[in-house]
Amino acid sequence: MKIVAARERRGGTMGGFHHGQIAGVWFDLDGTLLEVEMRRFIPAYTRGLAGAFADLTEPESFAELLLAATLELLRREDGACSNETFFLERVTAPLGIDGEDFKARLAAYCDAELAALAPLVRPHPLARAALEHCRRAGLRVVLATNPVFPRAVIEARMAWGGFADYPFELVTTYENSRYCKPHRGYFTDILDHMGLEPARCLMIGNDTEHDLAARSAGVPTFLAETWLIDRGAGAFNADYRGDLAELCRVVDRLSGSGDH
């Protein structure tokens, strides 16, 4: 596959994509609506969760198990079951417990200790405004975060970002998803859920590989540059790019809301 760096086509429109046609917007979470220090967040989350399994294994072994299962989850191709089921099948057997026991321990950790990670998450100052702008434009809004986390962990980050109460049509979590970004199936499943054609949606994210991969399903993309992640392995160009203020202007053009 030829590696192509994301390039701007600011103000342009794609063939067949016109003002007033867009109906849905999909927001990535981490690095788009939130600043999250994942290099600190993931180890802190894993260490904290390991405490709920301290009677079964050493923290280092637990961390290795979670990492291996998560990497398998990111690479999975079959989509035969939910990400949660796939993940639990890979962590419960080595721990000698069943899925319900794992979920109970996870829930206890989230209830009692997850809040300690809040200082590692900072909201984007324009996140809520951008979300509200899309709602006023009459758009259907999805939180298209990579579904490797349980819903409780995603909802915590939403709360720390100040938009836990926002009426997303869909929030992708490992319970309700069967693929991860950048797999094409992740994006086509959202399209199926919404009942929309790809050209009527816009994927908004900061990752040149994971988020711009929406183009593999025919979905136009907006590259959020504030906390850009360029893995150097993305095969797709961004159709639009800029900060969240620029996004609002793009939304106005594509939805036709700026014409009124």
Protein backbone atom coordinates (compact mmCIF):
# COMPACT_ATOMS: atom_id res chain seq x y z
CA MET A 1 0.00 0.00 0.00
CA LYS A 2 1.35 3.39 -0.93
CA ILE A 3 1.77 5.66 2.09
CA VAL A 4 0.30 9.09 1.49
CA ALA A 5 0.50 11.94 4.00
CA ALA A 6 -2.78 13.70 4.72
CA ARG A 7 -2.97 16.93 2.74
CA GLU A 8 -5.38 19.79 2.94
CA ARG A 9 -7.98 20.59 0.36
CA ARG A 10 -9.34 23.51 2.33
CA GLY A 11 -12.65 24.86 1.16
CA GLY A 12 -12.95 22.23 -1.56
CA THR A 13 -15.75 19.78 -2.11
CA MET A 14 -15.50 16.26 -3.40
CA GLY A 15 -17.17 15.10 -6.54
CA GLY A 16 -20.87 14.60 -5.87
CA PHE A 17 -20.66 16.16 -2.40
CA HIS A 18 -22.61 19.41 -2.22
CA HIS A 19 -23.93 21.95 0.26
CA GLY A 20 -26.95 20.73 2.18
CA GLN A 21 -26.13 17.06 1.64
CA ILE A 22 -24.42 16.25 4.93
CA ALA A 23 -26.69 14.76 7.60
CA GLY A 24 -24.39 13.12 10.15
CA VAL A 25 -21.11 13.97 11.85
CA TRP A 26 -18.91 11.52 13.68
CA PHE A 27 -16.52 12.85 16.33
CA ASP A 28 -13.47 11.02 17.56
CA LEU A 29 -12.96 11.53 21.31
CA ASP A 30 -9.34 11.41 22.49
CA GLY A 31 -7.20 14.07 20.83
CA THR A 32 -10.22 15.59 19.09
CA LEU A 33 -12.66 16.63 21.82
CA LEU A 34 -10.26 15.88 24.67
CA GLU A 35 -6.56 16.10 25.32
CA VAL A 36 -5.56 12.81 26.90
CA GLU A 37 -2.03 11.82 27.79
CA MET A 38 -2.48 8.22 26.66
CA ARG A 39 1.10 7.30 27.50
CA ARG A 40 0.21 8.05 31.11
CA PHE A 41 -3.51 7.24 31.02
CA ILE A 42 -3.20 3.64 29.78
CA PRO A 43 -0.54 2.56 32.33
CA ALA A 44 -2.43 4.32 35.14
CA TYR A 45 -5.70 2.67 34.10
CA THR A 46 -4.04 -0.74 33.86
CA ARG A 47 -2.32 -0.39 37.25
CA GLY A 48 -5.55 0.66 38.89
CA LEU A 49 -7.58 -2.13 37.32
CA ALA A 50 -4.90 -4.66 38.23
CA GLY A 51 -5.74 -4.03 41.88
CA ALA A 52 -9.17 -5.55 41.30
CA PHE A 53 -7.47 -8.78 40.19
CA ALA A 54 -4.64 -8.83 42.73
CA ASP A 55 -5.90 -12.12 44.17
CA LEU A 56 -5.44 -13.78 40.77
CA THR A 57 -2.22 -12.46 39.26
CA GLU A 58 0.66 -10.03 39.62
CA PRO A 59 0.14 -6.48 38.28
CA GLU A 60 2.85 -6.90 35.63
CA SER A 61 1.28 -10.10 34.33
CA PHE A 62 -2.15 -8.49 34.30
CA ALA A 63 -0.84 -5.51 32.33
CA GLU A 64 0.79 -7.80 29.77
CA LEU A 65 -2.43 -9.78 29.42
CA LEU A 66 -4.53 -6.65 28.85
CA LEU A 67 -2.07 -5.23 26.34
CA ALA A 68 -1.93 -8.46 24.34
CA ALA A 69 -5.73 -8.75 24.28
CA THR A 70 -6.12 -5.10 23.24
CA LEU A 71 -3.63 -5.48 20.39
CA GLU A 72 -5.53 -8.54 19.17
CA LEU A 73 -8.74 -6.51 19.38
CA LEU A 74 -7.27 -3.74 17.24
CA ARG A 75 -6.17 -6.27 14.62
CA ARG A 76 -9.29 -8.43 14.52
CA GLU A 77 -10.89 -9.04 11.14
CA ASP A 78 -13.85 -11.37 11.60
CA GLY A 79 -16.49 -9.21 13.35
CA ALA A 80 -18.34 -12.35 14.45
CA CYS A 81 -18.95 -11.08 17.99
CA SER A 82 -18.76 -7.86 19.97
CA ASN A 83 -15.41 -6.41 20.92
CA GLU A 84 -16.32 -7.06 24.55
CA THR A 85 -16.89 -10.77 23.92
CA PHE A 86 -13.69 -11.00 21.88
CA PHE A 87 -11.70 -9.25 24.61
CA LEU A 88 -13.17 -11.27 27.48
CA GLU A 89 -12.46 -14.55 25.70
CA ARG A 90 -8.78 -13.62 25.72
CA VAL A 91 -8.42 -12.39 29.30
CA THR A 92 -10.74 -14.55 31.39
CA ALA A 93 -9.26 -17.97 30.67
CA PRO A 94 -5.72 -17.02 31.73
CA LEU A 95 -7.17 -15.45 34.89
CA GLY A 96 -9.29 -18.53 35.64
CA ILE A 97 -12.57 -16.58 35.90
CA ASP A 98 -15.66 -16.11 33.77
CA GLY A 99 -16.83 -13.00 31.96
CA GLU A 100 -19.34 -11.98 34.60
CA ASP A 101 -16.68 -12.03 37.31
CA PHE A 102 -14.39 -9.88 35.15
CA LYS A 103 -17.18 -7.38 34.47
CA ALA A 104 -18.07 -7.18 38.17
CA ARG A 105 -14.47 -6.44 39.12
CA LEU A 106 -14.17 -3.88 36.32
CA ALA A 107 -17.36 -2.15 37.46
CA ALA A 108 -16.12 -2.03 41.07
CA TYR A 109 -12.86 -0.41 39.92
CA CYS A 110 -14.69 2.14 37.77
CA ASP A 111 -17.03 3.07 40.61
CA ALA A 112 -14.32 3.44 43.23
CA GLU A 113 -11.08 4.44 41.55
CA LEU A 114 -11.45 5.56 37.92
CA ALA A 115 -12.01 9.19 38.94
CA ALA A 116 -8.35 9.34 40.03
CA LEU A 117 -7.42 9.49 36.32
CA ALA A 118 -9.38 12.69 35.69
CA PRO A 119 -6.29 14.94 35.97
CA LEU A 120 -4.85 13.18 32.89
CA VAL A 121 -7.76 14.40 30.74
CA ARG A 122 -8.30 18.00 29.65
CA PRO A 123 -11.29 19.21 27.63
CA HIS A 124 -10.85 21.05 24.38
CA PRO A 125 -12.12 24.59 25.03
CA LEU A 126 -14.21 24.51 21.84
CA ALA A 127 -15.50 20.93 22.15
CA ARG A 128 -18.91 21.68 23.62
CA ALA A 129 -19.42 24.64 21.29
CA ALA A 130 -18.60 22.51 18.23
CA LEU A 131 -21.01 19.80 19.34
CA GLU A 132 -23.78 22.31 19.93
CA HIS A 133 -23.06 23.95 16.57
CA CYS A 134 -23.64 20.61 14.85
CA ARG A 135 -26.87 20.05 16.75
CA ARG A 136 -28.17 23.51 15.81
CA ALA A 137 -27.36 22.67 12.19
CA GLY A 138 -29.77 19.74 12.48
CA LEU A 139 -27.08 17.09 12.19
CA ARG A 140 -27.12 13.64 13.74
CA VAL A 141 -24.03 13.37 15.96
CA VAL A 142 -22.07 10.20 16.75
CA LEU A 143 -19.20 9.83 19.21
CA ALA A 144 -16.97 7.59 17.11
CA THR A 145 -14.27 6.79 19.64
CA ASN A 146 -12.17 3.68 19.02
CA PRO A 147 -14.15 0.99 20.88
CA VAL A 148 -11.40 -0.68 22.88
CA PHE A 149 -12.76 0.56 26.23
CA PRO A 150 -15.91 -0.37 28.17
CA ARG A 151 -18.71 2.17 28.16
CA ALA A 152 -18.02 3.19 31.78
CA VAL A 153 -14.47 4.29 30.90
CA ILE A 154 -15.68 6.22 27.85
CA GLU A 155 -18.49 7.89 29.80
CA ALA A 156 -16.00 8.98 32.47
CA ARG A 157 -13.90 10.75 29.84
CA MET A 158 -17.03 12.33 28.39
CA ALA A 159 -17.89 13.67 31.85
CA TRP A 160 -14.38 15.03 32.37
CA GLY A 161 -14.70 16.74 28.99
CA GLY A 162 -17.96 18.43 29.96
CA PHE A 163 -20.30 16.73 27.51
CA ALA A 164 -21.62 13.66 29.32
CA ASP A 165 -25.13 15.04 28.89
CA TYR A 166 -24.83 15.66 25.15
CA PRO A 167 -27.43 13.66 23.17
CA PHE A 168 -25.20 11.62 20.90
CA GLU A 169 -27.17 9.31 18.63
CA LEU A 170 -24.54 6.64 19.13
CA VAL A 171 -21.43 6.22 21.27
CA THR A 172 -19.22 3.40 20.05
CA THR A 173 -17.97 1.23 22.92
CA TYR A 174 -16.51 -2.23 23.10
CA GLU A 175 -19.94 -3.53 24.15
CA ASN A 176 -21.77 -2.37 21.00
CA SER A 177 -19.01 -2.61 18.37
CA ARG A 178 -17.40 -5.50 16.53
CA TYR A 179 -14.48 -3.78 14.84
CA CYS A 180 -11.96 -1.08 15.73
CA LYS A 181 -10.48 1.75 13.74
CA PRO A 182 -8.98 1.69 11.17
CA HIS A 183 -10.96 -1.37 9.99
CA ARG A 184 -13.46 -0.50 7.27
CA GLY A 185 -16.12 -2.51 9.08
CA TYR A 186 -16.08 -0.08 12.00
CA PHE A 187 -17.23 2.71 9.72
CA THR A 188 -19.72 0.67 7.68
CA ASP A 189 -21.39 -0.51 10.90
CA ILE A 190 -22.00 3.15 11.86
CA LEU A 191 -23.41 3.81 8.41
CA ASP A 192 -25.74 0.83 8.79
CA HIS A 193 -26.85 2.07 12.20
CA MET A 194 -27.66 5.52 10.84
CA GLY A 195 -29.12 4.36 7.54
CA LEU A 196 -27.13 7.00 5.66
CA GLU A 197 -25.02 6.95 2.52
CA PRO A 198 -21.29 7.57 3.15
CA ALA A 199 -21.26 10.97 1.41
CA ARG A 200 -23.90 12.24 3.84
CA CYS A 201 -21.56 11.85 6.82
CA LEU A 202 -18.32 13.49 7.98
CA MET A 203 -15.70 11.79 10.18
CA ILE A 204 -13.85 14.25 12.44
CA GLY A 205 -10.66 13.12 14.11
CA ASN A 206 -7.01 13.87 14.82
CA ASP A 207 -5.41 10.58 13.71
CA THR A 208 -4.20 10.34 10.13
CA GLU A 209 -4.42 6.56 10.17
CA HIS A 210 -7.35 5.66 12.41
CA ASP A 211 -9.74 8.50 11.59
CA LEU A 212 -8.93 9.20 7.95
CA ALA A 213 -9.54 5.47 7.32
CA ALA A 214 -13.24 6.40 7.19
CA ARG A 215 -12.47 7.18 3.54
CA SER A 216 -12.17 3.41 2.98
CA ALA A 217 -15.93 3.30 3.54
CA GLY A 218 -16.51 6.37 1.37
CA VAL A 219 -16.99 8.75 4.33
CA PRO A 220 -15.47 12.26 3.92
CA THR A 221 -13.06 13.33 6.64
CA PHE A 222 -12.02 16.39 8.62
CA LEU A 223 -8.57 16.22 10.20
CA ALA A 224 -8.60 18.00 13.57
CA GLU A 225 -5.13 19.50 13.87
CA THR A 226 -5.02 20.75 17.46
CA TRP A 227 -3.54 17.52 18.82
CA LEU A 228 -2.59 15.87 15.54
CA ILE A 229 -1.35 12.27 15.48
CA ASP A 230 0.42 11.42 12.22
CA ARG A 231 1.48 7.78 12.36
CA GLY A 232 3.06 8.01 8.92
CA ALA A 233 1.04 5.00 7.80
CA GLY A 234 -2.21 6.55 6.66
CA ALA A 235 -3.31 5.78 3.10
CA PHE A 236 -5.90 8.53 2.84
CA ASN A 237 -5.92 12.30 2.44
CA ALA A 238 -8.09 14.53 4.57
CA ASP A 239 -10.91 16.21 2.67
CA TYR A 240 -10.86 19.11 5.14
CA ARG A 241 -8.63 20.04 8.04
CA GLY A 242 -8.15 22.70 10.70
CA ASP A 243 -9.17 23.38 14.29
CA LEU A 244 -12.68 23.03 15.71
CA ALA A 245 -13.50 26.62 14.76
CA GLU A 246 -12.73 25.75 11.15
CA LEU A 247 -14.84 22.62 11.53
CA CYS A 248 -17.87 24.75 12.37
CA ARG A 249 -17.35 26.73 9.16
CA VAL A 250 -17.02 23.50 7.16
CA VAL A 251 -20.20 22.15 8.76
CA ASP A 252 -22.04 25.32 7.77
CA ARG A 253 -20.96 24.90 4.17
CA LEU A 254 -21.70 21.20 3.94
CA SER A 255 -25.01 21.25 5.78
CA GLY A 256 -26.27 24.45 4.22
CA SER A 257 -26.93 25.89 7.68
CA GLY A 258 -24.65 28.84 6.96
CA ASP A 259 -26.86 29.91 4.07
CA HIS A 260 -29.65 31.09 6.34
